């Protein structure tokens, strides 16, 4: 989670690929193999756990800061978790999802902005 806070402090986002590299470097554990569906799901599960830990204090989804390489959007797991948390209505349009994601990113940047 510290890495995501650091990204927010810098007013930046990150990719799954960068997060994977940082996790490996900081923990010494093997990296996730995104070619495998189960390992992609494991990264999603990890991000979900990070949100579960941080959300009660922040009321924000810090995983919003992680997106696909070459894309400017969160993954489907982000939106599914937002719906489970009651933050995003089920059946939301792509535009509503994008606006929700952008709002989360902006709020995270504001919350963690360096003074």
Protein backbone atom coordinates (compact mmCIF):
# COMPACT_ATOMS: atom_id res chain seq x y z
CA UNK A 1 0.00 0.00 0.00
CA UNK A 2 2.88 2.38 0.67
CA UNK A 3 3.71 2.46 -3.04
CA UNK A 4 0.17 3.55 -3.91
CA UNK A 5 0.28 6.30 -1.29
CA UNK A 6 3.60 7.43 -2.78
CA UNK A 7 2.00 7.61 -6.22
CA UNK A 8 -0.89 9.64 -4.80
CA UNK A 9 1.52 12.02 -3.07
CA UNK A 10 3.17 12.62 -6.45
CA UNK A 11 -0.24 13.17 -8.07
CA UNK A 12 0.37 10.14 -10.31
CA UNK A 13 -1.15 6.79 -11.17
CA UNK A 14 0.61 3.53 -11.93
CA UNK A 15 0.18 0.42 -14.04
CA UNK A 16 -0.26 -3.19 -13.03
CA UNK A 17 3.15 -3.82 -14.60
CA UNK A 18 4.89 -1.13 -12.55
CA UNK A 19 3.14 -2.22 -9.38
CA UNK A 20 4.20 -5.81 -10.06
CA UNK A 21 7.84 -4.72 -10.42
CA UNK A 22 7.76 -2.62 -7.26
CA UNK A 23 6.16 -5.43 -5.25
CA UNK A 24 8.84 -7.84 -6.41
CA UNK A 25 11.65 -5.39 -5.65
CA UNK A 26 10.33 -4.40 -2.23
CA UNK A 27 9.24 -7.83 -1.00
CA UNK A 28 11.69 -10.16 -2.74
CA UNK A 29 8.74 -12.37 -3.73
CA UNK A 30 8.31 -13.65 -7.29
CA UNK A 31 6.41 -11.37 -9.64
CA UNK A 32 2.92 -12.11 -10.88
CA UNK A 33 2.78 -13.70 -14.34
CA UNK A 34 0.08 -11.70 -16.09
CA UNK A 35 -0.02 -14.26 -18.92
CA UNK A 36 -1.83 -16.53 -16.45
CA UNK A 37 -5.46 -15.84 -15.53
CA UNK A 38 -4.99 -17.08 -11.97
CA UNK A 39 -2.08 -14.72 -11.38
CA UNK A 40 -3.98 -11.75 -12.84
CA UNK A 41 -6.79 -12.68 -10.45
CA UNK A 42 -4.29 -12.86 -7.58
CA UNK A 43 -3.14 -9.30 -8.27
CA UNK A 44 -6.78 -8.22 -8.33
CA UNK A 45 -7.38 -9.99 -5.03
CA UNK A 46 -4.36 -8.24 -3.52
CA UNK A 47 -5.63 -4.85 -4.65
CA UNK A 48 -9.05 -5.67 -3.24
CA UNK A 49 -7.47 -6.46 0.13
CA UNK A 50 -5.59 -3.16 0.04
CA UNK A 51 -8.87 -1.33 -0.54
CA UNK A 52 -10.55 -3.26 2.29
CA UNK A 53 -7.76 -2.19 4.62
CA UNK A 54 -7.65 1.48 3.56
CA UNK A 55 -11.30 2.23 2.76
CA UNK A 56 -12.66 2.49 6.34
CA UNK A 57 -10.28 5.39 7.01
CA UNK A 58 -10.19 7.09 3.62
CA UNK A 59 -13.61 6.31 2.12
CA UNK A 60 -11.71 5.99 -1.16
CA UNK A 61 -10.57 3.09 -3.33
CA UNK A 62 -6.79 3.45 -3.46
CA UNK A 63 -6.68 0.77 -6.17
CA UNK A 64 -8.06 3.44 -8.53
CA UNK A 65 -4.44 4.47 -8.97
CA UNK A 66 -3.65 1.20 -10.82
CA UNK A 67 -4.58 0.84 -14.48
CA UNK A 68 -3.65 -1.24 -17.48
CA UNK A 69 -0.47 -0.42 -19.37
CA UNK A 70 -1.47 1.61 -22.42
CA UNK A 71 -4.97 2.27 -21.06
CA UNK A 72 -6.42 5.15 -19.15
CA UNK A 73 -8.94 3.33 -17.02
CA UNK A 74 -9.24 0.91 -14.12
CA UNK A 75 -9.81 -2.81 -14.56
CA UNK A 76 -13.18 -4.55 -14.28
CA UNK A 77 -12.38 -5.78 -10.77
CA UNK A 78 -12.16 -2.17 -9.59
CA UNK A 79 -15.70 -1.46 -10.79
CA UNK A 80 -17.03 -4.75 -9.38
CA UNK A 81 -15.60 -3.89 -5.96
CA UNK A 82 -17.02 -0.36 -6.19
CA UNK A 83 -20.44 -1.91 -6.81
CA UNK A 84 -20.00 -4.32 -3.86
CA UNK A 85 -19.13 -1.35 -1.65
CA UNK A 86 -22.25 0.49 -2.86
CA UNK A 87 -20.20 3.28 -4.43
CA UNK A 88 -21.25 2.62 -8.02
CA UNK A 89 -24.70 1.45 -9.10
CA UNK A 90 -24.89 -1.92 -10.83
CA UNK A 91 -25.39 -1.52 -14.57
CA UNK A 92 -23.60 1.84 -14.66
CA UNK A 93 -22.77 3.12 -18.11
CA UNK A 94 -19.17 3.22 -19.32
CA UNK A 95 -19.26 7.02 -18.91
CA UNK A 96 -20.53 6.76 -15.32
CA UNK A 97 -17.76 4.26 -14.55
CA UNK A 98 -15.13 6.52 -16.08
CA UNK A 99 -16.40 9.52 -14.13
CA UNK A 100 -16.39 7.49 -10.91
CA UNK A 101 -12.82 6.33 -11.53
CA UNK A 102 -11.61 9.87 -12.32
CA UNK A 103 -13.30 11.14 -9.17
CA UNK A 104 -11.56 8.50 -7.07
CA UNK A 105 -8.16 9.34 -8.57
CA UNK A 106 -8.66 13.07 -8.03
CA UNK A 107 -9.80 12.57 -4.42
CA UNK A 108 -6.84 10.28 -3.71
CA UNK A 109 -4.46 12.89 -5.13
CA UNK A 110 -6.09 15.59 -3.01
CA UNK A 111 -6.03 13.46 0.14
CA UNK A 112 -2.36 12.57 -0.18
CA UNK A 113 -1.05 15.80 -1.73
CA UNK A 114 2.20 16.88 -0.21
CA UNK A 115 1.89 20.18 1.60
